[in-house]
Structure formats: structure tokens, C-alpha cells
Amino acid sequence: MRRTMPVCLDGEQYRLAAAIAKKRGMVDAGQALEEILG
């Protein structure tokens, strides 16, 4: 199921999500957010 509600992040939060995604071998920060929020 895809989320339809937008998630708002500031620059630092987005960089953190992108770093988590990279560390876990994900494509982008969106994938990390899905896992974190999932």
C-alpha cells in the first residue's frame, strides 16, 4: 500500500533519511521513510 499523505521534512531530516537509505542499500530517502513509518 502506498502512502498518499505527504511527509514534510526539513533539510537536515531529509539528509538523515537519505543517509539511512544509503547505509541500508536503498535507492532513495523515500524508501527509508517507508520503512521507518511502515
N, C-alpha and C. Protein backbone atom coordinates (compact mmCIF):
# COMPACT_ATOMS: atom_id res chain seq x y z
N MET A 1 0.85 -1.17 0.00
CA MET A 1 0.00 0.00 0.00
C MET A 1 0.89 1.24 0.00
N ARG A 2 0.59 2.16 -0.91
CA ARG A 2 1.36 3.40 -0.97
C ARG A 2 0.70 4.45 -0.10
N ARG A 3 1.54 5.25 0.54
CA ARG A 3 1.02 6.35 1.35
C ARG A 3 0.63 7.50 0.43
N THR A 4 -0.47 8.14 0.75
CA THR A 4 -0.90 9.28 -0.05
C THR A 4 -0.75 10.58 0.71
N MET A 5 -0.51 10.50 2.01
CA MET A 5 -0.34 11.70 2.81
C MET A 5 1.12 12.16 2.71
N PRO A 6 1.35 13.42 2.37
CA PRO A 6 2.73 13.90 2.26
C PRO A 6 3.42 13.95 3.62
N VAL A 7 4.72 13.74 3.58
CA VAL A 7 5.54 13.83 4.79
C VAL A 7 6.46 15.03 4.60
N CYS A 8 6.45 15.96 5.53
CA CYS A 8 7.27 17.17 5.42
C CYS A 8 8.52 17.02 6.28
N LEU A 9 9.66 17.26 5.67
CA LEU A 9 10.94 17.20 6.36
C LEU A 9 11.73 18.46 6.06
N ASP A 10 12.53 18.89 7.03
CA ASP A 10 13.45 19.99 6.72
C ASP A 10 14.70 19.37 6.09
N GLY A 11 15.63 20.19 5.69
CA GLY A 11 16.83 19.72 5.00
C GLY A 11 17.64 18.71 5.80
N GLU A 12 17.81 18.98 7.08
CA GLU A 12 18.60 18.08 7.93
C GLU A 12 17.91 16.72 8.08
N GLN A 13 16.60 16.73 8.26
CA GLN A 13 15.86 15.47 8.39
C GLN A 13 15.93 14.66 7.10
N TYR A 14 15.85 15.35 5.96
CA TYR A 14 15.93 14.64 4.68
C TYR A 14 17.31 14.03 4.49
N ARG A 15 18.36 14.78 4.86
CA ARG A 15 19.72 14.24 4.75
C ARG A 15 19.90 13.02 5.64
N LEU A 16 19.31 13.04 6.82
CA LEU A 16 19.38 11.89 7.72
C LEU A 16 18.67 10.68 7.10
N ALA A 17 17.49 10.90 6.55
CA ALA A 17 16.76 9.80 5.89
C ALA A 17 17.55 9.27 4.70
N ALA A 18 18.18 10.15 3.93
CA ALA A 18 18.99 9.72 2.79
C ALA A 18 20.20 8.92 3.26
N ALA A 19 20.80 9.32 4.37
CA ALA A 19 21.95 8.59 4.91
C ALA A 19 21.53 7.19 5.37
N ILE A 20 20.37 7.09 6.01
CA ILE A 20 19.85 5.78 6.43
C ILE A 20 19.61 4.91 5.20
N ALA A 21 19.01 5.49 4.17
CA ALA A 21 18.73 4.75 2.94
C ALA A 21 20.02 4.23 2.32
N LYS A 22 21.02 5.07 2.23
CA LYS A 22 22.30 4.68 1.64
C LYS A 22 22.95 3.57 2.45
N LYS A 23 22.92 3.70 3.76
CA LYS A 23 23.53 2.71 4.65
C LYS A 23 22.87 1.34 4.50
N ARG A 24 21.56 1.34 4.23
CA ARG A 24 20.81 0.08 4.12
C ARG A 24 20.66 -0.40 2.68
N GLY A 25 21.34 0.26 1.74
CA GLY A 25 21.30 -0.17 0.34
C GLY A 25 20.02 0.15 -0.39
N MET A 26 19.31 1.17 0.06
CA MET A 26 18.05 1.56 -0.58
C MET A 26 18.33 2.57 -1.68
N VAL A 27 17.35 2.74 -2.55
CA VAL A 27 17.51 3.64 -3.69
C VAL A 27 17.51 5.11 -3.28
N ASP A 28 16.58 5.49 -2.39
CA ASP A 28 16.48 6.90 -2.02
C ASP A 28 15.86 7.07 -0.63
N ALA A 29 15.76 8.30 -0.21
CA ALA A 29 15.21 8.60 1.12
C ALA A 29 13.75 8.17 1.24
N GLY A 30 13.01 8.17 0.14
CA GLY A 30 11.62 7.74 0.17
C GLY A 30 11.47 6.30 0.65
N GLN A 31 12.37 5.44 0.21
CA GLN A 31 12.32 4.05 0.66
C GLN A 31 12.60 3.96 2.15
N ALA A 32 13.56 4.74 2.63
CA ALA A 32 13.87 4.72 4.06
C ALA A 32 12.67 5.22 4.86
N LEU A 33 12.01 6.25 4.38
CA LEU A 33 10.83 6.76 5.09
C LEU A 33 9.72 5.72 5.15
N GLU A 34 9.52 4.98 4.06
CA GLU A 34 8.50 3.93 4.07
C GLU A 34 8.82 2.88 5.12
N GLU A 35 10.10 2.52 5.24
CA GLU A 35 10.49 1.52 6.24
C GLU A 35 10.34 2.08 7.66
N ILE A 36 10.76 3.32 7.85
CA ILE A 36 10.68 3.95 9.17
C ILE A 36 9.22 4.11 9.61
N LEU A 37 8.38 4.58 8.70
CA LEU A 37 6.98 4.83 9.03
C LEU A 37 6.12 3.57 8.96
N GLY A 38 6.61 2.57 8.23
CA GLY A 38 5.85 1.36 7.95
C GLY A 38 5.43 0.60 9.10
